[in-house]
Amino acid sequence: VLTHNVWDDVNFSADERTTAETLIAAQPLAPSAASEQSVAAAARLWDEHYTVNPRNYHDRRYLQNEFPQLARLLTEGDGGPLLLEIGCGTGNTLLPLLQANPLARGLACDLSP
């Protein structure tokens, strides 16, 4: 339905792109032991993160204003739309959209436990 995303209005110059690519290429990979520890402790670490940072996760109620196509989708037609959110985190994007239209259905997934 949407033909754009948040980054569509961002234009990088050739110098900015080169700088970003250089910075990314210079980042060392984490040792495999550190990666395995992070994966093993992921659930506990995410729980700690959400507990310590609750103010970072507000519902995103602005989306219907930011994307008028979405507002029309939620109010027009018979039945409700099926909304897919990949990388939903705590659901702060999808849940307000579902509350705005009780007929809408949602499917959300996230890799974090």
Protein backbone atom coordinates (compact mmCIF):
# COMPACT_ATOMS: atom_id res chain seq x y z
CA VAL A 1 0.00 0.00 0.00
CA LEU A 2 2.73 2.44 0.96
CA THR A 3 5.14 3.35 -1.79
CA HIS A 4 7.75 4.97 0.41
CA ASN A 5 9.41 4.72 3.78
CA VAL A 6 11.05 7.09 6.22
CA TRP A 7 14.39 7.08 4.38
CA ASP A 8 12.95 7.99 0.98
CA ASP A 9 13.57 11.70 1.56
CA VAL A 10 17.20 11.25 2.61
CA ASN A 11 19.79 11.87 -0.07
CA PHE A 12 23.43 11.15 0.62
CA SER A 13 26.19 12.83 -1.34
CA ALA A 14 28.93 10.66 -2.83
CA ASP A 15 31.30 11.85 -0.08
CA GLU A 16 28.81 11.01 2.67
CA ARG A 17 28.21 7.58 1.20
CA THR A 18 31.97 6.92 0.95
CA THR A 19 32.50 8.08 4.54
CA ALA A 20 29.71 5.83 5.84
CA GLU A 21 30.96 2.82 3.88
CA THR A 22 34.51 3.39 5.17
CA LEU A 23 33.31 3.58 8.77
CA ILE A 24 31.26 0.42 8.39
CA ALA A 25 34.11 -1.50 6.75
CA ALA A 26 36.47 -0.47 9.59
CA GLN A 27 34.27 -2.06 12.27
CA PRO A 28 35.77 -5.34 13.48
CA LEU A 29 33.58 -8.39 13.76
CA ALA A 30 32.79 -9.55 17.28
CA PRO A 31 34.61 -12.70 18.37
CA SER A 32 32.42 -15.78 18.01
CA ALA A 33 32.50 -16.35 21.80
CA ALA A 34 31.02 -12.88 22.40
CA SER A 35 28.36 -13.53 19.78
CA GLU A 36 27.43 -16.86 21.37
CA GLN A 37 27.22 -15.23 24.82
CA SER A 38 24.93 -12.52 23.47
CA VAL A 39 22.62 -15.03 21.84
CA ALA A 40 22.51 -17.16 24.98
CA ALA A 41 21.68 -14.17 27.18
CA ALA A 42 19.36 -12.38 24.71
CA ALA A 43 16.09 -12.87 26.59
CA ARG A 44 17.56 -11.66 29.89
CA LEU A 45 19.33 -8.70 28.23
CA TRP A 46 16.15 -7.57 26.40
CA ASP A 47 14.15 -7.83 29.62
CA GLU A 48 16.76 -5.69 31.39
CA HIS A 49 16.79 -3.18 28.53
CA TYR A 50 13.01 -2.72 28.52
CA THR A 51 12.96 -2.46 32.33
CA VAL A 52 15.67 0.22 32.42
CA ASN A 53 14.38 2.20 29.40
CA PRO A 54 10.57 2.24 29.57
CA ARG A 55 10.31 5.84 28.35
CA ASN A 56 11.90 4.91 25.00
CA TYR A 57 8.93 2.82 23.95
CA HIS A 58 5.92 5.06 23.44
CA ASP A 59 3.08 4.13 21.13
CA ARG A 60 3.59 5.62 17.68
CA ARG A 61 0.21 7.28 17.27
CA TYR A 62 1.53 9.73 14.67
CA LEU A 63 1.63 7.22 11.81
CA GLN A 64 -1.87 7.92 10.55
CA ASN A 65 -0.96 11.61 10.26
CA GLU A 66 2.47 10.95 8.76
CA PHE A 67 1.16 8.51 6.14
CA PRO A 68 -2.28 9.60 4.88
CA GLN A 69 -2.49 6.45 2.73
CA LEU A 70 -2.48 4.41 5.92
CA ALA A 71 -5.24 6.51 7.50
CA ARG A 72 -7.41 5.98 4.38
CA LEU A 73 -6.67 2.25 4.41
CA LEU A 74 -7.81 2.03 8.01
CA THR A 75 -11.09 3.86 7.41
CA GLU A 76 -12.17 2.85 3.89
CA GLY A 77 -13.59 -0.33 2.51
CA ASP A 78 -15.43 -3.31 3.88
CA GLY A 79 -13.77 -5.25 6.63
CA GLY A 80 -10.39 -4.42 7.93
CA PRO A 81 -6.94 -4.53 6.42
CA LEU A 82 -4.29 -7.07 7.38
CA LEU A 83 -1.24 -5.20 8.65
CA LEU A 84 2.19 -6.84 8.67
CA GLU A 85 4.97 -5.47 10.83
CA ILE A 86 8.41 -7.04 10.72
CA GLY A 87 10.72 -6.03 13.54
CA CYS A 88 7.83 -5.02 15.79
CA GLY A 89 9.70 -4.88 19.09
CA THR A 90 7.09 -4.28 21.76
CA GLY A 91 4.32 -3.55 19.25
CA ASN A 92 4.33 0.23 19.66
CA THR A 93 3.65 0.75 15.97
CA LEU A 94 1.09 -1.93 15.23
CA LEU A 95 -1.03 -1.77 18.40
CA PRO A 96 -2.17 1.87 17.95
CA LEU A 97 -3.13 1.08 14.35
CA LEU A 98 -5.19 -1.89 15.48
CA GLN A 99 -6.83 0.25 18.16
CA ALA A 100 -7.74 2.84 15.52
CA ASN A 101 -9.58 0.23 13.48
CA PRO A 102 -11.15 -2.67 15.40
CA LEU A 103 -11.75 -4.51 12.11
CA ALA A 104 -8.06 -4.51 11.22
CA ARG A 105 -6.00 -7.59 11.78
CA GLY A 106 -2.29 -7.63 12.49
CA LEU A 107 0.63 -9.97 12.14
CA ALA A 108 3.85 -8.94 13.84
CA CYS A 109 7.19 -10.64 14.37
CA ASP A 110 10.51 -9.78 15.92
CA LEU A 111 13.75 -11.69 16.36
CA SER A 112 14.30 -10.54 19.92
CA PRO A 113 12.87 -12.94 22.51
